[in-house]
Protein backbone atom coordinates (compact mmCIF):
# COMPACT_ATOMS: atom_id res chain seq x y z
CA UNK A 1 109.82 78.86 105.97
CA UNK A 2 108.99 78.53 102.25
CA UNK A 3 106.80 81.62 102.48
CA UNK A 4 109.62 83.57 104.11
CA UNK A 5 112.13 82.50 101.45
CA UNK A 6 109.63 83.34 98.73
CA UNK A 7 109.14 86.82 100.17
CA UNK A 8 112.87 87.39 100.30
CA UNK A 9 113.24 86.19 96.71
CA UNK A 10 110.49 88.52 95.50
CA UNK A 11 112.03 91.44 97.34
CA UNK A 12 115.45 90.74 95.82
CA UNK A 13 113.83 90.40 92.42
CA UNK A 14 112.12 93.77 92.75
CA UNK A 15 115.36 95.38 93.85
CA UNK A 16 117.16 93.90 90.84
CA UNK A 17 114.49 95.22 88.46
CA UNK A 18 114.66 98.70 90.01
CA UNK A 19 118.44 98.69 89.78
CA UNK A 20 118.29 97.71 86.12
CA UNK A 21 115.69 100.37 85.31
CA UNK A 22 117.80 103.00 87.05
CA UNK A 23 120.52 102.46 84.43
CA UNK A 24 118.17 103.43 81.57
CA UNK A 25 117.84 107.00 80.25
CA UNK A 26 114.91 108.86 81.82
CA UNK A 27 112.64 108.62 78.74
CA UNK A 28 113.15 104.85 78.39
CA UNK A 29 112.82 104.34 82.13
CA UNK A 30 109.49 106.19 82.22
CA UNK A 31 108.26 104.23 79.18
CA UNK A 32 109.14 101.00 80.99
CA UNK A 33 107.17 102.08 84.03
CA UNK A 34 104.13 102.87 81.86
CA UNK A 35 104.42 99.47 80.16
CA UNK A 36 103.94 97.84 83.57
CA UNK A 37 100.51 99.43 84.08
CA UNK A 38 97.77 96.88 84.71
CA UNK A 39 94.36 98.32 85.65
CA UNK A 40 91.50 95.91 86.31
CA UNK A 41 88.19 97.27 84.91
CA UNK A 42 86.22 94.74 86.98
CA UNK A 43 87.70 94.55 90.49
CA UNK A 44 86.51 91.98 92.99
CA UNK A 45 83.12 93.12 94.40
CA UNK A 46 84.48 92.62 97.91
CA UNK A 47 86.62 95.72 97.34
CA UNK A 48 85.07 99.07 98.31
CA UNK A 49 86.68 102.50 98.05
CA UNK A 50 85.01 105.29 100.02
CA UNK A 51 85.44 108.32 102.25
CA UNK A 52 86.12 107.14 105.78
CA UNK A 53 83.19 108.70 107.62
CA UNK A 54 82.72 106.66 110.78
CA UNK A 55 84.79 106.55 113.93
CA UNK A 56 85.66 102.90 113.36
CA UNK A 57 86.79 103.51 109.77
CA UNK A 58 88.92 106.49 110.75
CA UNK A 59 90.50 104.61 113.65
CA UNK A 60 91.38 101.71 111.36
CA UNK A 61 92.93 104.16 108.86
CA UNK A 62 94.92 105.97 111.54
CA UNK A 63 96.18 102.61 112.81
CA UNK A 64 97.32 101.56 109.33
CA UNK A 65 98.97 104.94 108.87
CA UNK A 66 100.76 104.57 112.20
CA UNK A 67 102.08 101.12 111.34
CA UNK A 68 103.25 102.25 107.89
CA UNK A 69 105.05 105.31 109.30
CA UNK A 70 106.70 103.30 112.07
CA UNK A 71 107.79 100.61 109.60
CA UNK A 72 109.29 103.23 107.28
CA UNK A 73 111.06 105.01 110.15
CA UNK A 74 108.93 108.15 109.74
CA UNK A 75 107.76 108.16 113.37
CA UNK A 76 108.29 106.47 116.71
CA UNK A 77 105.62 104.02 117.92
CA UNK A 78 102.82 105.73 119.84
CA UNK A 79 100.99 104.23 122.85
CA UNK A 80 97.69 104.77 121.05
CA UNK A 81 98.86 102.86 117.99
CA UNK A 82 97.44 105.69 115.85
CA UNK A 83 98.98 108.29 113.56
CA UNK A 84 96.88 111.40 114.31
CA UNK A 85 98.02 114.95 113.53
CA UNK A 86 96.49 118.42 113.66
CA UNK A 87 95.86 118.22 109.91
CA UNK A 88 93.48 115.32 110.40
CA UNK A 89 91.30 117.64 112.49
CA UNK A 90 90.68 120.01 109.57
CA UNK A 91 87.45 119.84 107.54
CA UNK A 92 89.57 120.10 104.38
CA UNK A 93 91.36 116.81 105.06
CA UNK A 94 89.62 113.76 103.64
CA UNK A 95 90.60 110.21 104.50
CA UNK A 96 89.87 107.67 101.78
CA UNK A 97 89.76 104.02 102.77
CA UNK A 98 89.85 100.72 100.91
CA UNK A 99 87.70 98.00 102.46
CA UNK A 100 87.84 94.32 101.65
CA UNK A 101 84.85 92.31 102.75
CA UNK A 102 83.83 95.14 105.08
CA UNK A 103 87.24 95.51 106.74
CA UNK A 104 89.54 98.51 106.20
CA UNK A 105 92.68 97.32 104.42
CA UNK A 106 94.17 100.55 103.10
CA UNK A 107 93.96 104.33 103.38
CA UNK A 108 94.94 107.52 101.57
CA UNK A 109 94.71 111.09 102.81
CA UNK A 110 93.67 114.06 100.73
CA UNK A 111 95.09 117.20 102.29
CA UNK A 112 94.59 120.58 100.66
CA UNK A 113 96.96 123.42 101.48
CA UNK A 114 94.29 124.55 103.92
CA UNK A 115 96.21 124.54 107.19
CA UNK A 116 95.92 126.00 110.64
CA UNK A 117 98.31 128.71 109.51
CA UNK A 118 96.34 129.84 106.49
CA UNK A 119 92.87 128.50 105.70
CA UNK A 120 92.31 130.38 102.44
CA UNK A 121 93.82 128.02 99.87
CA UNK A 122 92.06 127.74 96.53
CA UNK A 123 94.37 125.37 94.67
CA UNK A 124 92.90 122.98 92.13
CA UNK A 125 96.01 120.83 91.98
CA UNK A 126 96.47 117.36 93.43
CA UNK A 127 99.61 116.96 95.51
CA UNK A 128 101.42 113.66 95.50
CA UNK A 129 100.05 111.66 97.15
CA UNK A 130 97.30 113.97 98.42
CA UNK A 131 100.02 115.76 100.38
CA UNK A 132 103.82 115.78 100.44
CA UNK A 133 105.48 112.87 98.67
CA UNK A 134 107.43 111.41 101.55
CA UNK A 135 109.55 108.87 99.66
CA UNK A 136 111.86 110.46 97.06
CA UNK A 137 112.71 106.98 95.75
CA UNK A 138 109.14 106.61 94.44
CA UNK A 139 108.64 110.07 92.99
CA UNK A 140 109.41 108.81 89.47
CA UNK A 141 106.34 106.57 89.60
CA UNK A 142 104.14 109.65 90.06
CA UNK A 143 106.04 111.47 87.33
CA UNK A 144 106.01 108.66 84.77
CA UNK A 145 102.58 107.10 85.32
CA UNK A 146 100.48 110.07 86.43
CA UNK A 147 102.57 112.97 85.06
CA UNK A 148 103.08 114.81 88.31
CA UNK A 149 105.46 117.77 88.16
CA UNK A 150 108.04 118.27 90.86
CA UNK A 151 107.53 121.51 92.71
CA UNK A 152 110.41 123.94 92.43
CA UNK A 153 112.60 124.07 95.51
CA UNK A 154 110.41 121.38 97.07
CA UNK A 155 113.10 118.83 97.94
CA UNK A 156 113.57 118.54 101.68
CA UNK A 157 116.47 116.62 103.16
CA UNK A 158 115.06 116.60 106.68
CA UNK A 159 111.26 116.59 106.82
CA UNK A 160 110.16 117.17 110.43
CA UNK A 161 106.64 115.89 109.76
CA UNK A 162 108.08 112.47 108.88
CA UNK A 163 110.72 112.10 111.57
CA UNK A 164 113.46 113.77 109.54
CA UNK A 165 113.01 111.65 106.40
CA UNK A 166 113.71 113.28 103.01
CA UNK A 167 110.73 114.42 100.94
CA UNK A 168 109.93 115.65 97.45
CA UNK A 169 106.90 117.79 96.59
CA UNK A 170 104.97 117.26 93.36
CA UNK A 171 101.61 118.31 91.95
CA UNK A 172 99.21 117.41 89.17
CA UNK A 173 96.97 119.95 87.45
CA UNK A 174 93.61 118.17 87.31
CA UNK A 175 92.36 120.56 84.62
CA UNK A 176 95.09 119.49 82.20
CA UNK A 177 95.47 115.86 83.30
CA UNK A 178 92.66 114.39 81.15
CA UNK A 179 94.21 115.62 77.88
CA UNK A 180 97.65 114.31 78.88
CA UNK A 181 96.27 110.92 79.85
CA UNK A 182 94.32 110.64 76.59
CA UNK A 183 97.40 111.47 74.53
CA UNK A 184 99.63 108.95 76.28
CA UNK A 185 97.22 106.12 77.15
CA UNK A 186 94.19 106.62 74.88
CA UNK A 187 95.40 104.25 72.15
CA UNK A 188 96.38 101.41 74.50
CA UNK A 189 94.43 98.23 75.20
CA UNK A 190 91.95 98.15 78.07
CA UNK A 191 94.14 97.02 80.96
CA UNK A 192 96.88 99.48 79.94
CA UNK A 193 94.58 102.41 79.23
CA UNK A 194 94.66 104.68 82.27
CA UNK A 195 92.77 107.43 80.42
CA UNK A 196 89.77 105.18 79.82
CA UNK A 197 90.10 103.72 83.31
CA UNK A 198 89.99 107.14 84.99
CA UNK A 199 87.64 109.00 82.62
CA UNK A 200 85.18 106.44 81.22
CA UNK A 201 84.90 103.54 83.62
CA UNK A 202 82.37 103.84 86.42
CA UNK A 203 83.43 101.30 89.01
CA UNK A 204 80.64 100.18 91.37
CA UNK A 205 83.37 99.58 93.96
CA UNK A 206 83.81 103.36 94.37
CA UNK A 207 81.26 104.99 96.66
CA UNK A 208 81.32 108.67 95.77
CA UNK A 209 80.11 111.10 98.44
CA UNK A 210 76.72 112.70 97.93
CA UNK A 211 76.88 116.47 97.63
CA UNK A 212 73.93 118.82 97.53
CA UNK A 213 76.14 121.74 96.48
CA UNK A 214 79.32 121.81 94.41
CA UNK A 215 81.50 121.89 97.51
CA UNK A 216 85.17 120.87 97.45
CA UNK A 217 85.44 119.27 100.89
CA UNK A 218 83.77 116.34 102.62
CA UNK A 219 84.05 116.98 106.37
CA UNK A 220 82.95 114.06 108.53
CA UNK A 221 84.16 114.91 112.04
CA UNK A 222 81.37 115.37 114.55
CA UNK A 223 82.19 116.98 117.92
CA UNK A 224 82.21 113.52 119.48
CA UNK A 225 84.70 112.19 116.94
CA UNK A 226 86.97 115.23 117.34
CA UNK A 227 86.99 114.76 121.09
CA UNK A 228 87.73 111.05 120.74
CA UNK A 229 90.70 111.33 118.36
CA UNK A 230 92.32 114.59 119.42
CA UNK A 231 91.64 114.73 123.16
CA UNK A 232 91.11 111.17 124.34
CA UNK A 233 93.20 109.00 121.99
CA UNK A 234 95.98 111.53 121.42
CA UNK A 235 97.35 114.77 122.84
CA UNK A 236 97.21 116.67 119.53
CA UNK A 237 95.06 119.51 120.83
CA UNK A 238 97.05 119.80 124.03
CA UNK A 239 100.23 120.54 122.05
CA UNK A 240 98.79 123.36 119.89
CA UNK A 241 99.90 126.94 120.48
CA UNK A 242 97.38 129.74 121.03
CA UNK A 243 97.40 130.86 117.41
CA UNK A 244 96.45 127.41 116.16
CA UNK A 245 93.84 127.04 118.87
CA UNK A 246 92.21 130.31 117.88
CA UNK A 247 92.33 129.48 114.20
CA UNK A 248 90.83 126.06 114.87
CA UNK A 249 87.95 127.76 116.66
CA UNK A 250 87.50 130.15 113.75
CA UNK A 251 87.14 127.14 111.43
CA UNK A 252 84.73 125.21 113.66
CA UNK A 253 82.66 128.23 114.61
CA UNK A 254 79.67 126.20 115.79
CA UNK A 255 78.39 126.08 119.32
CA UNK A 256 78.41 122.28 119.22
CA UNK A 257 82.24 122.21 118.95
CA UNK A 258 83.01 124.67 121.75
CA UNK A 259 83.39 122.07 124.48
CA UNK A 260 85.81 119.81 122.55
CA UNK A 261 88.16 122.40 121.03
CA UNK A 262 91.25 123.52 122.97
CA UNK A 263 90.98 126.81 124.83
CA UNK A 264 93.58 129.54 124.19
CA UNK A 265 95.25 131.35 127.06
CA UNK A 266 93.20 134.21 128.54
CA UNK A 267 93.67 137.34 126.46
CA UNK A 268 95.34 135.52 123.57
CA UNK A 269 94.78 137.10 120.18
CA UNK A 270 94.89 135.52 116.77
CA UNK A 271 97.38 138.05 115.39
CA UNK A 272 95.49 138.58 112.14
CA UNK A 273 92.12 140.02 111.18
CA UNK A 274 89.40 137.45 110.68
CA UNK A 275 86.88 138.13 107.96
CA UNK A 276 83.55 139.60 108.96
CA UNK A 277 81.73 137.26 106.59
CA UNK A 278 82.63 133.58 106.71
CA UNK A 279 83.81 132.20 103.37
CA UNK A 280 83.27 128.70 101.99
CA UNK A 281 85.26 126.68 99.49
CA UNK A 282 83.12 125.71 96.52
CA UNK A 283 83.65 125.06 92.80
CA UNK A 284 80.68 126.17 90.73
CA UNK A 285 80.33 127.08 87.04
CA UNK A 286 78.83 130.54 86.52
CA UNK A 287 78.24 133.22 83.89
CA UNK A 288 78.67 136.96 84.26
CA UNK A 289 76.33 138.85 81.92
CA UNK A 290 77.24 142.51 81.36
CA UNK A 291 75.14 145.00 79.40
CA UNK A 292 77.30 147.73 77.88
CA UNK A 293 76.38 150.38 75.30
CA UNK A 294 73.56 148.34 73.81
CA UNK A 295 75.51 145.08 73.64
CA UNK A 296 75.56 142.07 75.94
CA UNK A 297 78.88 140.52 77.00
CA UNK A 298 79.14 137.10 78.66
CA UNK A 299 82.08 135.99 80.77
CA UNK A 300 82.45 132.35 81.88
CA UNK A 301 83.41 132.08 85.56
CA UNK A 302 84.45 129.33 87.94
CA UNK A 303 83.39 130.32 91.44
CA UNK A 304 85.88 128.97 93.98
CA UNK A 305 84.80 130.75 97.16
CA UNK A 306 81.60 132.35 98.40
CA UNK A 307 80.13 134.22 101.35
CA UNK A 308 76.81 135.89 101.97
CA UNK A 309 77.84 139.14 100.27
CA UNK A 310 80.63 138.14 97.94
CA UNK A 311 82.51 135.50 96.02
CA UNK A 312 85.80 134.82 94.30
CA UNK A 313 85.93 133.38 90.79
CA UNK A 314 88.45 132.38 88.16
CA UNK A 315 88.03 134.17 84.83
CA UNK A 316 90.27 133.88 81.76
CA UNK A 317 88.95 137.13 80.27
CA UNK A 318 89.97 140.61 81.41
CA UNK A 319 87.43 142.32 83.65
CA UNK A 320 87.81 146.02 84.43
CA UNK A 321 87.58 146.83 88.11
CA UNK A 322 84.10 148.06 89.00
CA UNK A 323 82.31 146.02 86.33
CA UNK A 324 78.66 145.40 87.24
CA UNK A 325 76.66 142.49 85.87
CA UNK A 326 74.23 139.66 86.46
CA UNK A 327 75.81 136.44 87.71
CA UNK A 328 74.07 133.14 87.04
CA UNK A 329 75.67 130.44 89.19
CA UNK A 330 75.05 126.69 89.38
CA UNK A 331 75.29 125.97 93.10
CA UNK A 332 74.47 122.27 92.79
CA UNK A 333 72.81 119.72 90.54
CA UNK A 334 69.38 121.22 91.13
CA UNK A 335 70.42 124.46 92.82
CA UNK A 336 71.06 127.77 91.04
CA UNK A 337 71.12 131.47 91.92
CA UNK A 338 71.03 134.76 90.01
CA UNK A 339 72.47 137.89 91.64
CA UNK A 340 73.82 141.31 90.72
CA UNK A 341 77.54 141.55 91.44
CA UNK A 342 80.45 143.94 91.01
CA UNK A 343 84.09 143.07 90.35
CA UNK A 344 86.14 144.78 93.06
CA UNK A 345 89.65 143.34 92.70
CA UNK A 346 91.90 141.13 90.58
CA UNK A 347 94.54 138.76 91.87
CA UNK A 348 96.39 135.56 91.02
CA UNK A 349 95.60 132.47 93.09
CA UNK A 350 97.61 129.28 92.51
CA UNK A 351 98.53 130.43 89.02
CA UNK A 352 94.96 131.31 87.98
CA UNK A 353 93.59 134.84 87.50
CA UNK A 354 90.78 135.45 89.97
CA UNK A 355 88.37 138.28 90.62
CA UNK A 356 86.68 139.20 93.84
CA UNK A 357 83.03 140.22 93.57
CA UNK A 358 80.64 141.86 95.99
CA UNK A 359 77.00 140.80 96.12
CA UNK A 360 74.95 143.56 97.82
CA UNK A 361 71.60 141.75 97.60
CA UNK A 362 71.87 137.94 97.46
CA UNK A 363 68.77 136.12 96.23
CA UNK A 364 66.97 133.42 98.30
CA UNK A 365 68.87 130.54 96.66
CA UNK A 366 72.21 132.18 97.43
CA UNK A 367 71.14 132.76 101.03
CA UNK A 368 69.97 129.17 101.42
CA UNK A 369 73.29 127.85 100.14
CA UNK A 370 75.35 130.04 102.48
CA UNK A 371 73.10 129.15 105.42
CA UNK A 372 73.47 125.45 104.68
CA UNK A 373 77.26 125.70 104.40
CA UNK A 374 77.38 127.79 107.54
CA UNK A 375 75.20 125.58 109.70
CA UNK A 376 76.18 122.18 108.35
CA UNK A 377 78.72 120.47 110.54
CA UNK A 378 79.52 117.49 108.27
CA UNK A 379 78.81 116.55 104.67
CA UNK A 380 75.84 114.49 105.87
CA UNK A 381 74.17 117.70 107.06
CA UNK A 382 74.26 119.13 103.54
CA UNK A 383 72.37 116.25 101.94
CA UNK A 384 69.03 117.44 103.36
CA UNK A 385 67.84 120.79 102.03
CA UNK A 386 65.80 121.88 105.04
CA UNK A 387 67.53 124.40 107.31
CA UNK A 388 65.58 122.83 110.17
CA UNK A 389 68.26 120.13 109.98
CA UNK A 390 70.21 122.22 112.52
CA UNK A 391 67.68 123.46 115.10
CA UNK A 392 70.16 123.38 117.98
CA UNK A 393 72.67 125.69 116.33
CA UNK A 394 72.69 129.42 116.77
CA UNK A 395 72.82 131.16 113.36
CA UNK A 396 76.09 132.98 112.75
CA UNK A 397 76.70 136.08 110.60
CA UNK A 398 77.89 134.82 107.22
């Protein structure tokens, strides 16, 4: 009984504090929120933060997600006790879990804008929290503490994905975030210094995924896991229309997934032209070296997408269409390639100026990288450099 009364008292206390803060001007209110920051530089060693990469970890995360959504009124209880959606089936969705003493106690989902409707997103922003912010009452915490910006026209009064609950969209530019954090938090003491906490501390509690190449995604779903979550434990695949079924097959274009992915109706067409060469999301530093009239010009690039015979890269400097040059690209920590490339188009992607390049004759390192990305089913496949890692897979045209 005492515990129950104590919980009620704490809840009423929190509500009173929030009500009082709401009366303050925005600047003072945000300053008050930042004054409450308390980051522990030495968390309990029983705490582990990692990518959920086993069936048991994912099931525990989906169960926690289900219970949280049901409790908040965002969904009706499901017989499976799991919150599983079509977005969880995508290789661009990453589930992060918090484990305490080996047991999953919390979860967070990173969802890029890569969806079954358009799987070509190249954004380098973080969306709050790793997706749509589904509680407008908490959006100010993201704005004040982490400096998220509300997306224009992103307020939704009736969000279908969360059972009609209101939602607010917000994003954080990770390129600019470090400078903002340093300016606001850099002078504060240790437990209040979010800049030092995020940029300088290396917590042993965080298990970062191993990556052979500078890829942006950490897919973990094997065919068996996809079948378990989306066919056996839920009816997600059964409810997809033909377009989404076809697009899902274009994403998982490996023979090993054929039997577990939903079949479209006979004669169904995707309704859009698929690329001849499969493209892969990657974020690699590169240099374009151009020889022109006896001088050498160097352009810094950030490669965000690659295929066997082309790539897309961000470039802050103006490049005339048709420019030829040598591209030196860092594919991974110990992986690099050097190819001749030609700029063929300019476009804006997520606010950044990007150029498309063609690569007529990729070098062996480039080919090995594309082959690994093409044949690897999960991030574990990419750790080993030998292509023999995938002997059962039929090579596809990249």
